[in-house]
Amino acid sequence: MIEHNETQDSEGLEKQQNFCQWQSLSPWSMLSFSFGTAKAILSNGYAIIPIVFAGWKNGFNLQLGLIAALIMVTLLSVFAFIQWRKYRFKLNDQQLNIKRGLLFTRKDEIPFNKIQNIRFEQPFYFKPLKLGTLVIETAGSKDDEAHLAALNADDANLIKQQLLQLTAEPLQNTSQTDTTKVDHSAELSTELSTELSIDKQQTSPAITLVVKRNLKQLIQFGFYQNNLIWLAVIAGPILGQVNWEDIAEIPFIQQFWSSVVSFSGESVALQVASGVLIFLAIYCLFSLISILAAVLKYYPYRLDKRQQTLQRSGGVISHQQDALAIKRVQLLHFSQPVLARLFGVWTLYLKQVKGQEVEQKAAQHMLIPSIKTAEIVPALGKISELAGGSTSIPKRYQGIAFTWFTRRGFIAFLPAAILTTIEGITVITEIAWLLALVIMGLTFLRYKQWGYVIEDDVVWQHSGLFSRNWKRIPFNKVQHVAITQTQAQNKKGYAYITLGLASGSLTLPYIKQQDAHFIAEQAMARTKTDSNNWI
């Protein structure tokens, strides 16, 4: 056994020494380059969907379409081949070096101490090959800094250890070999769980389960996170091309409409109820897309704590593992959309440095979906290293000054008053007054949602309209504070305070002047006595 372990250690050391020389990627990386380029084109081309649909309705030339598809595939293949041939990387004691490019060579030098996140991805086309991609993200970069595609498990693990300056992880017991061979995806999940802690002395870190979500909870998450507006933007132009007269002639549609009419009759209440039910049915139909996306991306969802690192894993088609150093969490954002309030659940975002989200291109922070209020304290209690201590959502909050509403709620009536003065009482002016009344009502609802709570080590911000949002801001994560006042605010004893964090700025409007100064003093006192890096 000892000789076997020594042999593996020597092989690992030899591989690490090989990484000190310029290395090329596996030819299988061309798959990653091709799919990555195609994904970027499609993700930025959703706006042309209505145009393509309209062209198809007006006549589609199959021959030209096939030629265009063939040209596109050929260009993607050539581009992927060039990327693979010109992509090289090597590691030394202090940094990762990458060079690429055909006509113009680009060389990136990435110091180890600037690396923010390392993410291991295993798309569906790499799963049968037992390969994966390491995505390296650094401080100050707007996009993913480097992709090392088509790496096998051993090489990815060794590169991770060098990048994060970690000691080698202990080898698994040989009695587990047969089981490991049967389920290689589980082996990949264990080996490639990245840790951002710089503690080199602990070689056998304990893993603590923070929370896991089952299929039902992820379906629930996809349902209440459904973005109907985004879908309407895309579907609207397409629906405009549909011949509704032909659809109305479909027997099923006619039978359905007859049922609605017979059910509602001449009752206005029943007609409104029927309309609401139809809207909910359409919403549920659109939600299927959101539910499917949530399940494919996160199932089976699992969040673990390993030393000073949070590790999230999941994904059906493309397995993904994300790692986030706990010290990089700037604030906790508890979001509860309207439908989530009906279920009594929240989405918890662990917000880190702005521009350095776990998924930079999507600006997506690490999140915990469908978490109940009663689950929050036990789950976050397992992450004792979170800045600020308290994690229990406050039950009530201090509201802001009513002046905030009076300065905004009645502005909408000004255009209606001017229009009435010019035109008199007409249908248009009546609609203008109705809209002004609605705007004032929405402004009042938003005013009622504004609030804050000051605790020993954190300040909470509450906001929303129909939804609810709590943001927990530790004083020791505040980088700068700005207090602004007009003369009128100063006389009434109110002020605006803006708290600047590495994840972005937050504002508490029209709060009591003494509270604003107390928050500023607490934040600056923590900053003065704490020399640790905010991020």
Protein backbone atom coordinates (compact mmCIF):
# COMPACT_ATOMS: atom_id res chain seq x y z
CA MET A 1 0.00 0.00 0.00
CA ILE A 2 2.78 2.42 0.94
CA GLU A 3 4.67 1.68 -2.28
CA HIS A 4 1.47 2.22 -4.28
CA ASN A 5 0.87 5.59 -2.61
CA GLU A 6 4.48 6.61 -3.15
CA THR A 7 4.18 5.67 -6.81
CA GLN A 8 1.08 7.83 -7.22
CA ASP A 9 2.75 10.72 -5.38
CA SER A 10 5.78 10.50 -7.64
CA GLU A 11 3.56 10.41 -10.71
CA GLY A 12 1.69 13.47 -9.44
CA LEU A 13 4.97 15.30 -8.82
CA GLU A 14 6.16 14.41 -12.30
CA LYS A 15 2.95 15.77 -13.81
CA GLN A 16 3.27 18.98 -11.81
CA GLN A 17 6.79 19.40 -13.16
CA ASN A 18 5.46 18.84 -16.68
CA PHE A 19 3.02 21.70 -16.18
CA CYS A 20 6.03 23.99 -15.79
CA GLN A 21 6.54 23.58 -19.55
CA TRP A 22 4.15 24.89 -22.20
CA GLN A 23 1.25 22.44 -22.50
CA SER A 24 -1.35 22.07 -25.23
CA LEU A 25 -4.95 21.10 -24.62
CA SER A 26 -6.51 17.84 -25.66
CA PRO A 27 -7.92 17.77 -29.22
CA TRP A 28 -11.29 17.16 -27.55
CA SER A 29 -11.13 20.82 -26.45
CA MET A 30 -12.25 21.72 -29.98
CA LEU A 31 -15.69 20.51 -28.92
CA SER A 32 -15.68 23.00 -26.07
CA PHE A 33 -14.52 25.84 -28.31
CA SER A 34 -17.17 25.03 -30.94
CA PHE A 35 -20.07 24.78 -28.50
CA GLY A 36 -18.87 27.85 -26.60
CA THR A 37 -18.78 29.98 -29.74
CA ALA A 38 -22.17 28.69 -30.91
CA LYS A 39 -23.67 29.39 -27.49
CA ALA A 40 -22.32 32.96 -27.51
CA ILE A 41 -23.83 33.57 -30.97
CA LEU A 42 -27.22 32.15 -30.00
CA SER A 43 -27.37 33.85 -26.61
CA ASN A 44 -26.79 37.24 -28.24
CA GLY A 45 -29.09 36.53 -31.16
CA TYR A 46 -32.44 36.00 -29.44
CA ALA A 47 -33.63 39.35 -30.78
CA ILE A 48 -33.65 37.98 -34.35
CA ILE A 49 -36.02 35.13 -33.44
CA PRO A 50 -39.12 37.11 -34.52
CA ILE A 51 -37.39 38.02 -37.82
CA VAL A 52 -36.50 34.38 -38.51
CA PHE A 53 -40.04 33.32 -37.65
CA ALA A 54 -41.53 35.96 -39.97
CA GLY A 55 -39.21 34.86 -42.79
CA TRP A 56 -40.21 31.25 -42.29
CA LYS A 57 -43.90 32.19 -42.44
CA ASN A 58 -43.35 34.07 -45.70
CA GLY A 59 -41.51 31.19 -47.33
CA PHE A 60 -38.37 29.25 -46.47
CA ASN A 61 -35.78 28.09 -49.00
CA LEU A 62 -34.57 24.73 -47.68
CA GLN A 63 -31.55 24.61 -49.98
CA LEU A 64 -30.26 28.02 -48.91
CA GLY A 65 -30.88 27.12 -45.29
CA LEU A 66 -28.80 23.95 -45.57
CA ILE A 67 -25.99 25.83 -47.30
CA ALA A 68 -26.01 28.49 -44.57
CA ALA A 69 -25.95 25.81 -41.86
CA LEU A 70 -23.05 24.01 -43.56
CA ILE A 71 -21.07 27.25 -43.84
CA MET A 72 -21.72 28.01 -40.16
CA VAL A 73 -20.56 24.54 -39.06
CA THR A 74 -17.45 24.80 -41.23
CA LEU A 75 -16.52 28.22 -39.84
CA LEU A 76 -17.05 27.02 -36.25
CA SER A 77 -14.87 23.97 -36.89
CA VAL A 78 -12.05 26.02 -38.43
CA PHE A 79 -12.22 28.56 -35.62
CA ALA A 80 -12.16 25.78 -32.97
CA PHE A 81 -9.18 24.11 -34.68
CA ILE A 82 -7.22 27.37 -34.69
CA GLN A 83 -8.03 27.99 -31.03
CA TRP A 84 -6.86 24.51 -30.08
CA ARG A 85 -3.62 24.73 -32.07
CA LYS A 86 -2.70 28.14 -30.69
CA TYR A 87 -3.75 27.63 -27.05
CA ARG A 88 -0.90 26.91 -24.63
CA PHE A 89 -0.59 27.10 -20.85
CA LYS A 90 2.00 26.50 -18.15
CA LEU A 91 2.31 26.97 -14.40
CA ASN A 92 5.21 28.14 -12.31
CA ASP A 93 5.51 28.78 -8.60
CA GLN A 94 3.62 32.06 -8.67
CA GLN A 95 1.37 32.31 -11.71
CA LEU A 96 -0.52 30.68 -14.55
CA ASN A 97 0.65 31.66 -18.04
CA ILE A 98 -1.61 31.37 -21.08
CA LYS A 99 -0.91 32.33 -24.67
CA ARG A 100 -3.27 32.15 -27.63
CA GLY A 101 -4.04 33.83 -30.92
CA LEU A 102 -3.24 33.41 -34.63
CA LEU A 103 -2.37 36.76 -36.16
CA PHE A 104 -1.89 38.49 -32.82
CA THR A 105 -0.58 36.47 -29.89
CA ARG A 106 -2.17 37.26 -26.54
CA LYS A 107 -0.36 36.26 -23.38
CA ASP A 108 -2.05 36.31 -19.97
CA GLU A 109 -0.15 36.08 -16.71
CA ILE A 110 -2.47 35.23 -13.80
CA PRO A 111 -0.91 35.45 -10.30
CA PHE A 112 -2.20 32.77 -7.95
CA ASN A 113 -3.09 35.32 -5.27
CA LYS A 114 -5.44 37.13 -7.69
CA ILE A 115 -7.60 34.09 -8.42
CA GLN A 116 -11.13 34.56 -7.09
CA ASN A 117 -12.96 31.43 -8.19
CA ILE A 118 -12.22 28.13 -9.85
CA ARG A 119 -15.17 26.31 -11.35
CA PHE A 120 -15.22 22.79 -12.74
CA GLU A 121 -17.72 22.18 -15.53
CA GLN A 122 -18.60 18.89 -17.17
CA PRO A 123 -20.88 19.48 -20.20
CA PHE A 124 -22.89 16.60 -21.61
CA TYR A 125 -20.45 16.07 -24.48
CA PHE A 126 -17.55 15.56 -22.03
CA LYS A 127 -19.35 13.18 -19.65
CA PRO A 128 -18.85 10.00 -21.75
CA LEU A 129 -15.17 10.96 -22.16
CA LYS A 130 -14.75 11.61 -18.42
CA LEU A 131 -13.29 15.04 -19.14
CA GLY A 132 -14.07 18.50 -17.81
CA THR A 133 -13.18 22.18 -17.99
CA LEU A 134 -11.55 24.33 -15.33
CA VAL A 135 -12.75 27.94 -15.44
CA ILE A 136 -10.42 30.37 -13.68
CA GLU A 137 -11.74 33.79 -12.63
CA THR A 138 -9.62 36.58 -11.23
CA ALA A 139 -10.12 39.89 -9.43
CA GLY A 140 -10.73 42.75 -11.83
CA SER A 141 -11.74 40.71 -14.89
CA LYS A 142 -15.18 41.20 -16.42
CA ASP A 143 -15.28 37.78 -18.09
CA ASP A 144 -13.99 34.35 -17.28
CA GLU A 145 -10.22 34.77 -17.38
CA ALA A 146 -9.19 31.34 -18.62
CA HIS A 147 -10.70 28.04 -19.75
CA LEU A 148 -8.61 24.89 -19.55
CA ALA A 149 -10.86 22.59 -21.55
CA ALA A 150 -10.93 18.80 -21.93
CA LEU A 151 -8.80 18.00 -18.86
CA ASN A 152 -8.99 14.61 -17.23
CA ALA A 153 -9.76 14.32 -13.53
CA ASP A 154 -6.20 13.79 -12.31
CA ASP A 155 -4.73 16.69 -14.29
CA ALA A 156 -7.56 19.02 -13.26
CA ASN A 157 -7.06 18.13 -9.62
CA LEU A 158 -3.29 18.73 -9.78
CA ILE A 159 -3.75 22.07 -11.57
CA LYS A 160 -6.32 23.11 -8.98
CA GLN A 161 -3.91 22.34 -6.16
CA GLN A 162 -1.17 24.40 -7.78
CA LEU A 163 -3.44 27.33 -8.61
CA LEU A 164 -4.84 27.48 -5.10
CA GLN A 165 -1.54 26.60 -3.45
CA LEU A 166 -3.08 23.64 -1.68
CA THR A 167 -1.44 20.57 -0.26
CA ALA A 168 -2.29 17.30 -1.97
CA GLU A 169 -5.56 15.73 -0.92
CA PRO A 170 -5.39 12.29 0.73
CA LEU A 171 -5.88 9.27 -1.47
CA GLN A 172 -9.06 7.25 -1.18
CA ASN A 173 -9.05 3.82 0.48
CA THR A 174 -8.32 1.13 -2.08
CA SER A 175 -11.27 -0.91 -0.80
CA GLN A 176 -13.51 1.63 -2.49
CA THR A 177 -11.93 1.15 -5.92
CA ASP A 178 -14.65 -1.03 -7.41
CA THR A 179 -17.41 1.32 -6.30
CA THR A 180 -15.50 4.27 -7.69
CA LYS A 181 -15.15 2.62 -11.07
CA VAL A 182 -18.88 2.02 -11.22
CA ASP A 183 -19.77 5.64 -10.51
CA HIS A 184 -17.04 7.76 -12.04
CA SER A 185 -19.16 10.92 -11.92
CA ALA A 186 -19.21 10.67 -8.12
CA GLU A 187 -15.41 10.37 -8.20
CA LEU A 188 -15.15 13.49 -10.31
CA SER A 189 -17.44 15.32 -7.90
CA THR A 190 -15.21 14.38 -4.95
CA GLU A 191 -11.87 14.98 -6.63
CA LEU A 192 -12.68 18.26 -8.30
CA SER A 193 -14.51 20.04 -5.48
CA THR A 194 -12.41 23.19 -5.38
CA GLU A 195 -11.46 24.92 -2.17
CA LEU A 196 -10.31 28.50 -2.04
CA SER A 197 -8.98 28.42 1.54
CA ILE A 198 -5.25 29.02 1.75
CA ASP A 199 -4.87 26.79 4.80
CA LYS A 200 -2.09 24.43 3.75
CA GLN A 201 -1.88 22.47 6.98
CA GLN A 202 -5.24 20.70 6.93
CA THR A 203 -5.00 17.79 4.49
CA SER A 204 -8.22 15.96 5.40
CA PRO A 205 -10.91 18.61 5.64
CA ALA A 206 -14.32 17.65 6.99
CA ILE A 207 -17.27 18.33 4.71
CA THR A 208 -20.42 19.71 6.33
CA LEU A 209 -23.73 19.60 4.49
CA VAL A 210 -25.29 23.06 4.62
CA VAL A 211 -28.44 22.38 2.62
CA LYS A 212 -29.71 20.27 -0.26
CA ARG A 213 -32.80 20.67 -2.43
CA ASN A 214 -34.93 17.90 -3.88
CA LEU A 215 -36.74 17.79 -7.22
CA LYS A 216 -40.00 19.18 -5.80
CA GLN A 217 -38.24 22.20 -4.30
CA LEU A 218 -36.42 22.95 -7.55
CA ILE A 219 -39.68 22.73 -9.50
CA GLN A 220 -41.15 25.17 -6.99
CA PHE A 221 -38.14 27.46 -7.48
CA GLY A 222 -38.52 27.41 -11.26
CA PHE A 223 -42.23 28.19 -10.95
CA TYR A 224 -41.96 31.26 -8.73
CA GLN A 225 -38.86 32.59 -10.54
CA ASN A 226 -40.65 32.52 -13.91
CA ASN A 227 -39.88 35.67 -15.90
CA LEU A 228 -43.11 36.18 -17.85
CA ILE A 229 -42.07 39.65 -19.05
CA TRP A 230 -38.88 38.36 -20.70
CA LEU A 231 -40.82 35.65 -22.48
CA ALA A 232 -43.44 38.16 -23.60
CA VAL A 233 -40.74 40.32 -25.22
CA ILE A 234 -39.70 37.40 -27.41
CA ALA A 235 -43.11 35.80 -27.87
CA GLY A 236 -44.93 39.08 -28.59
CA PRO A 237 -43.59 39.66 -32.13
CA ILE A 238 -44.04 35.95 -32.93
CA LEU A 239 -47.64 35.98 -31.75
CA GLY A 240 -48.19 39.03 -33.97
CA GLN A 241 -47.40 36.85 -37.02
CA VAL A 242 -49.97 34.21 -36.07
CA ASN A 243 -53.23 34.05 -38.05
CA TRP A 244 -55.69 34.12 -35.15
CA GLU A 245 -58.70 33.66 -37.42
CA ASP A 246 -57.45 30.21 -38.42
CA ILE A 247 -56.77 29.33 -34.80
CA ALA A 248 -60.27 30.45 -33.81
CA GLU A 249 -61.67 27.93 -36.32
CA ILE A 250 -59.99 24.99 -34.54
CA PRO A 251 -62.76 22.80 -33.01
CA PHE A 252 -60.95 22.48 -29.67
CA ILE A 253 -60.64 26.27 -29.34
CA GLN A 254 -64.30 26.79 -30.24
CA GLN A 255 -65.39 24.15 -27.72
CA PHE A 256 -63.19 25.70 -25.03
CA TRP A 257 -64.54 29.20 -25.68
CA SER A 258 -68.14 27.93 -25.60
CA SER A 259 -67.43 26.35 -22.21
CA VAL A 260 -66.05 29.63 -20.87
CA VAL A 261 -69.07 31.60 -22.12
CA SER A 262 -71.56 29.09 -20.71
CA PHE A 263 -69.73 29.09 -17.38
CA SER A 264 -69.53 32.86 -16.96
CA GLY A 265 -72.80 33.84 -18.60
CA GLU A 266 -73.58 37.52 -18.06
CA SER A 267 -71.92 37.66 -14.63
CA VAL A 268 -69.06 40.15 -14.62
CA ALA A 269 -67.47 38.45 -11.61
CA LEU A 270 -67.43 35.08 -13.36
CA GLN A 271 -66.03 36.66 -16.52
CA VAL A 272 -63.20 38.22 -14.50
CA ALA A 273 -62.58 34.90 -12.74
CA SER A 274 -62.43 33.13 -16.11
CA GLY A 275 -59.94 35.69 -17.39
CA VAL A 276 -57.75 35.24 -14.31
CA LEU A 277 -57.84 31.45 -14.69
CA ILE A 278 -56.86 31.71 -18.36
CA PHE A 279 -53.99 34.05 -17.44
CA LEU A 280 -52.78 31.63 -14.74
CA ALA A 281 -52.93 28.79 -17.25
CA ILE A 282 -50.78 30.77 -19.69
CA TYR A 283 -48.38 31.65 -16.85
CA CYS A 284 -48.05 27.98 -15.91
CA LEU A 285 -47.37 27.14 -19.55
CA PHE A 286 -44.57 29.69 -19.72
CA SER A 287 -43.32 28.46 -16.32
CA LEU A 288 -42.54 25.08 -17.81
CA ILE A 289 -39.50 26.64 -19.49
CA SER A 290 -38.31 28.18 -16.23
CA ILE A 291 -38.96 24.96 -14.29
CA LEU A 292 -37.09 22.89 -16.84
CA ALA A 293 -34.13 25.29 -16.73
CA ALA A 294 -34.01 25.19 -12.91
CA VAL A 295 -34.08 21.39 -12.79
CA LEU A 296 -31.48 20.92 -15.53
CA LYS A 297 -29.14 23.49 -13.99
CA TYR A 298 -29.37 22.65 -10.28
CA TYR A 299 -30.65 19.08 -9.77
CA PRO A 300 -29.50 17.48 -7.54
CA TYR A 301 -28.68 20.68 -5.63
CA ARG A 302 -26.20 20.35 -2.78
CA LEU A 303 -24.31 23.04 -0.84
CA ASP A 304 -21.43 21.91 1.36
CA LYS A 305 -18.94 23.68 3.59
CA ARG A 306 -15.34 22.51 3.43
CA GLN A 307 -12.90 24.38 5.64
CA GLN A 308 -13.37 28.05 4.67
CA THR A 309 -15.09 27.29 1.38
CA LEU A 310 -18.67 26.81 0.17
CA GLN A 311 -19.08 24.24 -2.60
CA ARG A 312 -22.22 23.95 -4.69
CA SER A 313 -22.81 21.05 -7.06
CA GLY A 314 -25.59 19.99 -9.39
CA GLY A 315 -26.72 19.82 -12.98
CA VAL A 316 -28.41 17.14 -15.08
CA ILE A 317 -27.05 17.63 -18.59
CA SER A 318 -24.00 19.72 -17.69
CA HIS A 319 -22.64 18.89 -14.25
CA GLN A 320 -21.17 21.95 -12.55
CA GLN A 321 -19.28 22.53 -9.33
CA ASP A 322 -18.73 26.02 -7.92
CA ALA A 323 -16.51 27.02 -5.03
CA LEU A 324 -16.69 30.26 -3.07
CA ALA A 325 -14.46 31.32 -0.19
CA ILE A 326 -16.70 32.30 2.72
CA LYS A 327 -14.65 35.42 3.43
CA ARG A 328 -15.56 36.72 -0.06
CA VAL A 329 -19.29 36.85 0.75
CA GLN A 330 -20.09 40.56 1.03
CA LEU A 331 -23.78 40.42 1.93
CA LEU A 332 -26.76 38.10 2.09
CA HIS A 333 -29.76 38.90 -0.10
CA PHE A 334 -33.06 37.22 0.80
CA SER A 335 -35.49 37.56 -2.12
CA GLN A 336 -39.16 36.58 -1.98
CA PRO A 337 -41.17 37.13 -5.19
CA VAL A 338 -44.96 37.26 -5.05
CA LEU A 339 -45.49 33.56 -5.70
CA ALA A 340 -42.73 32.64 -3.27
CA ARG A 341 -44.69 34.46 -0.56
CA LEU A 342 -47.57 32.08 -1.18
CA PHE A 343 -45.24 29.11 -0.67
CA GLY A 344 -43.50 30.74 2.29
CA VAL A 345 -40.02 30.34 0.79
CA TRP A 346 -37.07 32.59 -0.10
CA THR A 347 -34.20 32.60 -2.55
CA LEU A 348 -30.96 33.34 -0.72
CA TYR A 349 -28.14 34.95 -2.72
CA LEU A 350 -24.59 34.91 -1.34
CA LYS A 351 -23.30 38.06 -3.00
CA GLN A 352 -19.59 38.46 -3.53
CA VAL A 353 -17.37 40.98 -5.31
CA LYS A 354 -19.18 42.79 -8.11
CA GLY A 355 -17.98 41.45 -11.43
CA GLN A 356 -16.58 38.35 -9.70
CA GLU A 357 -19.80 36.37 -9.37
CA VAL A 358 -19.59 32.59 -9.34
CA GLU A 359 -20.87 32.72 -12.92
CA GLN A 360 -19.42 35.93 -14.30
CA LYS A 361 -20.98 35.97 -17.75
CA ALA A 362 -24.47 35.60 -16.29
CA ALA A 363 -23.58 37.78 -13.27
CA GLN A 364 -25.08 34.97 -11.21
CA HIS A 365 -24.25 34.78 -7.52
CA MET A 366 -24.22 31.52 -5.58
CA LEU A 367 -27.77 30.94 -4.37
CA ILE A 368 -29.90 28.67 -2.21
CA PRO A 369 -33.32 28.12 -3.84
CA SER A 370 -36.66 27.53 -2.10
CA ILE A 371 -35.45 27.89 1.47
CA LYS A 372 -38.08 28.26 4.18
CA THR A 373 -37.79 30.85 6.94
CA ALA A 374 -37.40 28.11 9.55
CA GLU A 375 -34.48 26.61 7.58
CA ILE A 376 -32.45 29.82 7.32
CA VAL A 377 -30.95 29.96 10.81
CA PRO A 378 -30.01 26.25 10.99
CA ALA A 379 -28.46 26.34 7.50
CA LEU A 380 -26.48 29.54 7.95
CA GLY A 381 -25.56 28.51 11.48
CA LYS A 382 -23.30 25.91 9.85
CA ILE A 383 -21.40 28.75 8.17
CA SER A 384 -20.07 30.39 11.33
CA GLU A 385 -17.41 32.28 9.35
CA LEU A 386 -19.98 34.57 7.73
CA ALA A 387 -19.27 38.19 8.58
CA GLY A 388 -21.71 39.87 10.94
CA GLY A 389 -22.90 36.95 13.01
CA SER A 390 -26.72 37.23 13.11
CA THR A 391 -28.57 35.48 10.27
CA SER A 392 -32.18 35.51 11.52
CA ILE A 393 -34.48 37.61 9.31
CA PRO A 394 -36.00 40.45 11.36
CA LYS A 395 -39.74 40.27 11.98
CA ARG A 396 -40.27 44.03 11.73
CA TYR A 397 -38.37 47.08 10.54
CA GLN A 398 -38.07 50.82 11.03
CA GLY A 399 -39.83 52.62 8.19
CA ILE A 400 -38.47 55.64 6.35
CA ALA A 401 -39.94 59.15 6.55
CA PHE A 402 -43.37 59.80 4.99
CA THR A 403 -41.78 62.72 3.16
CA TRP A 404 -40.24 60.19 0.75
CA PHE A 405 -43.76 59.34 -0.44
CA THR A 406 -45.11 62.89 -0.58
CA ARG A 407 -42.21 63.99 -2.80
CA ARG A 408 -42.96 61.20 -5.30
CA GLY A 409 -46.54 60.08 -4.94
CA PHE A 410 -48.21 63.24 -6.22
CA ILE A 411 -45.86 64.02 -9.11
CA ALA A 412 -47.86 61.73 -11.40
CA PHE A 413 -50.91 64.00 -11.01
CA LEU A 414 -49.07 66.98 -12.50
CA PRO A 415 -49.32 65.86 -16.17
CA ALA A 416 -52.98 64.92 -15.65
CA ALA A 417 -53.73 68.35 -14.15
CA ILE A 418 -51.97 70.17 -16.99
CA LEU A 419 -53.78 68.07 -19.60
CA THR A 420 -57.14 68.71 -17.93
CA THR A 421 -56.47 72.46 -17.85
CA ILE A 422 -55.80 72.46 -21.59
CA GLU A 423 -58.31 69.87 -22.86
CA GLY A 424 -60.97 69.88 -20.15
CA ILE A 425 -62.72 66.70 -19.00
CA THR A 426 -62.36 64.13 -21.78
CA VAL A 427 -61.82 60.39 -22.01
CA ILE A 428 -58.08 60.95 -22.36
CA THR A 429 -57.84 63.15 -19.26
CA GLU A 430 -59.92 60.66 -17.28
CA ILE A 431 -57.47 57.91 -18.26
CA ALA A 432 -54.58 60.21 -17.26
CA TRP A 433 -56.10 60.75 -13.80
CA LEU A 434 -56.67 57.01 -13.42
CA LEU A 435 -53.04 56.25 -14.35
CA ALA A 436 -51.85 58.90 -11.89
CA LEU A 437 -53.93 57.29 -9.16
CA VAL A 438 -52.44 53.86 -9.95
CA ILE A 439 -48.89 55.27 -9.93
CA MET A 440 -49.51 56.94 -6.59
CA GLY A 441 -50.83 53.66 -5.17
CA LEU A 442 -47.75 51.75 -6.36
CA THR A 443 -45.49 54.44 -4.95
CA PHE A 444 -47.22 54.15 -1.60
CA LEU A 445 -46.77 50.38 -1.61
CA ARG A 446 -43.06 50.84 -2.32
CA TYR A 447 -42.81 53.42 0.47
CA LYS A 448 -44.36 50.97 2.93
CA GLN A 449 -41.76 48.35 1.98
CA TRP A 450 -38.76 50.62 2.59
CA GLY A 451 -37.17 50.05 5.99
CA TYR A 452 -34.09 49.12 7.96
CA VAL A 453 -32.96 47.35 11.12
CA ILE A 454 -29.73 48.10 13.01
CA GLU A 455 -28.12 45.27 14.96
CA ASP A 456 -24.78 44.93 16.74
CA ASP A 457 -22.67 43.93 13.72
CA VAL A 458 -25.00 44.32 10.73
CA VAL A 459 -27.60 46.61 9.25
CA TRP A 460 -30.59 45.19 7.34
CA GLN A 461 -32.27 46.88 4.37
CA HIS A 462 -35.88 46.00 3.50
CA SER A 463 -37.37 46.93 0.12
CA GLY A 464 -39.72 45.74 -2.60
CA LEU A 465 -43.10 46.39 -4.19
CA PHE A 466 -45.21 43.25 -4.30
CA SER A 467 -42.15 41.12 -3.56
CA ARG A 468 -39.96 41.35 -0.45
CA ASN A 469 -36.20 41.80 -0.23
CA TRP A 470 -33.98 41.71 2.84
CA LYS A 471 -30.29 42.56 2.50
CA ARG A 472 -27.97 41.84 5.42
CA ILE A 473 -24.94 44.17 5.37
CA PRO A 474 -22.06 43.46 7.81
CA PHE A 475 -20.37 46.61 9.07
CA ASN A 476 -16.90 45.15 8.50
CA LYS A 477 -17.60 44.72 4.76
CA VAL A 478 -18.40 48.42 4.22
CA GLN A 479 -15.69 50.14 2.19
CA HIS A 480 -17.05 53.68 2.16
CA VAL A 481 -20.01 55.64 3.51
CA ALA A 482 -21.72 58.71 2.05
CA ILE A 483 -24.36 60.74 3.90
CA THR A 484 -26.29 63.28 1.81
CA GLN A 485 -28.88 65.85 2.89
CA THR A 486 -30.81 68.70 1.39
CA GLN A 487 -31.49 71.74 3.55
CA ALA A 488 -35.09 70.61 4.04
CA GLN A 489 -33.94 67.13 5.09
CA ASN A 490 -31.42 68.62 7.51
CA LYS A 491 -34.11 70.75 9.16
CA LYS A 492 -36.43 67.75 9.57
CA GLY A 493 -33.63 65.49 10.81
CA TYR A 494 -33.50 63.04 7.88
CA ALA A 495 -30.69 61.90 5.59
CA TYR A 496 -29.73 59.53 2.80
CA ILE A 497 -26.91 57.09 3.56
CA THR A 498 -25.08 55.08 0.89
CA LEU A 499 -23.01 52.08 1.94
CA GLY A 500 -20.33 51.03 -0.53
CA LEU A 501 -19.34 47.37 -0.59
CA ALA A 502 -17.22 45.34 -2.97
CA SER A 503 -20.49 43.83 -4.26
CA GLY A 504 -21.99 47.26 -5.01
CA SER A 505 -23.62 50.20 -3.22
CA LEU A 506 -26.84 50.22 -1.19
CA THR A 507 -28.88 53.26 -0.17
CA LEU A 508 -31.16 53.84 2.81
CA PRO A 509 -33.31 56.89 1.92
CA TYR A 510 -34.94 59.32 4.33
CA ILE A 511 -33.83 57.61 7.53
CA LYS A 512 -33.33 59.40 10.83
CA GLN A 513 -30.22 61.54 10.87
CA GLN A 514 -28.93 60.04 14.13
CA ASP A 515 -29.38 56.51 12.71
CA ALA A 516 -27.42 57.46 9.58
CA HIS A 517 -24.51 58.78 11.67
CA PHE A 518 -24.62 55.73 13.95
CA ILE A 519 -24.40 53.35 10.95
CA ALA A 520 -21.50 55.35 9.50
CA GLU A 521 -19.64 55.37 12.81
CA GLN A 522 -20.12 51.64 13.32
CA ALA A 523 -18.92 50.82 9.81
CA MET A 524 -15.88 53.07 9.98
CA ALA A 525 -14.98 51.81 13.46
CA ARG A 526 -14.91 48.23 12.16
CA THR A 527 -12.81 49.28 9.18
CA LYS A 528 -10.34 51.14 11.39
CA THR A 529 -9.70 48.17 13.67
CA ASP A 530 -9.89 45.38 11.06
CA SER A 531 -6.92 45.24 8.68
CA ASN A 532 -8.23 42.26 6.71
CA ASN A 533 -9.01 42.61 3.03
CA TRP A 534 -12.71 43.28 2.36
CA ILE A 535 -12.80 40.93 -0.63
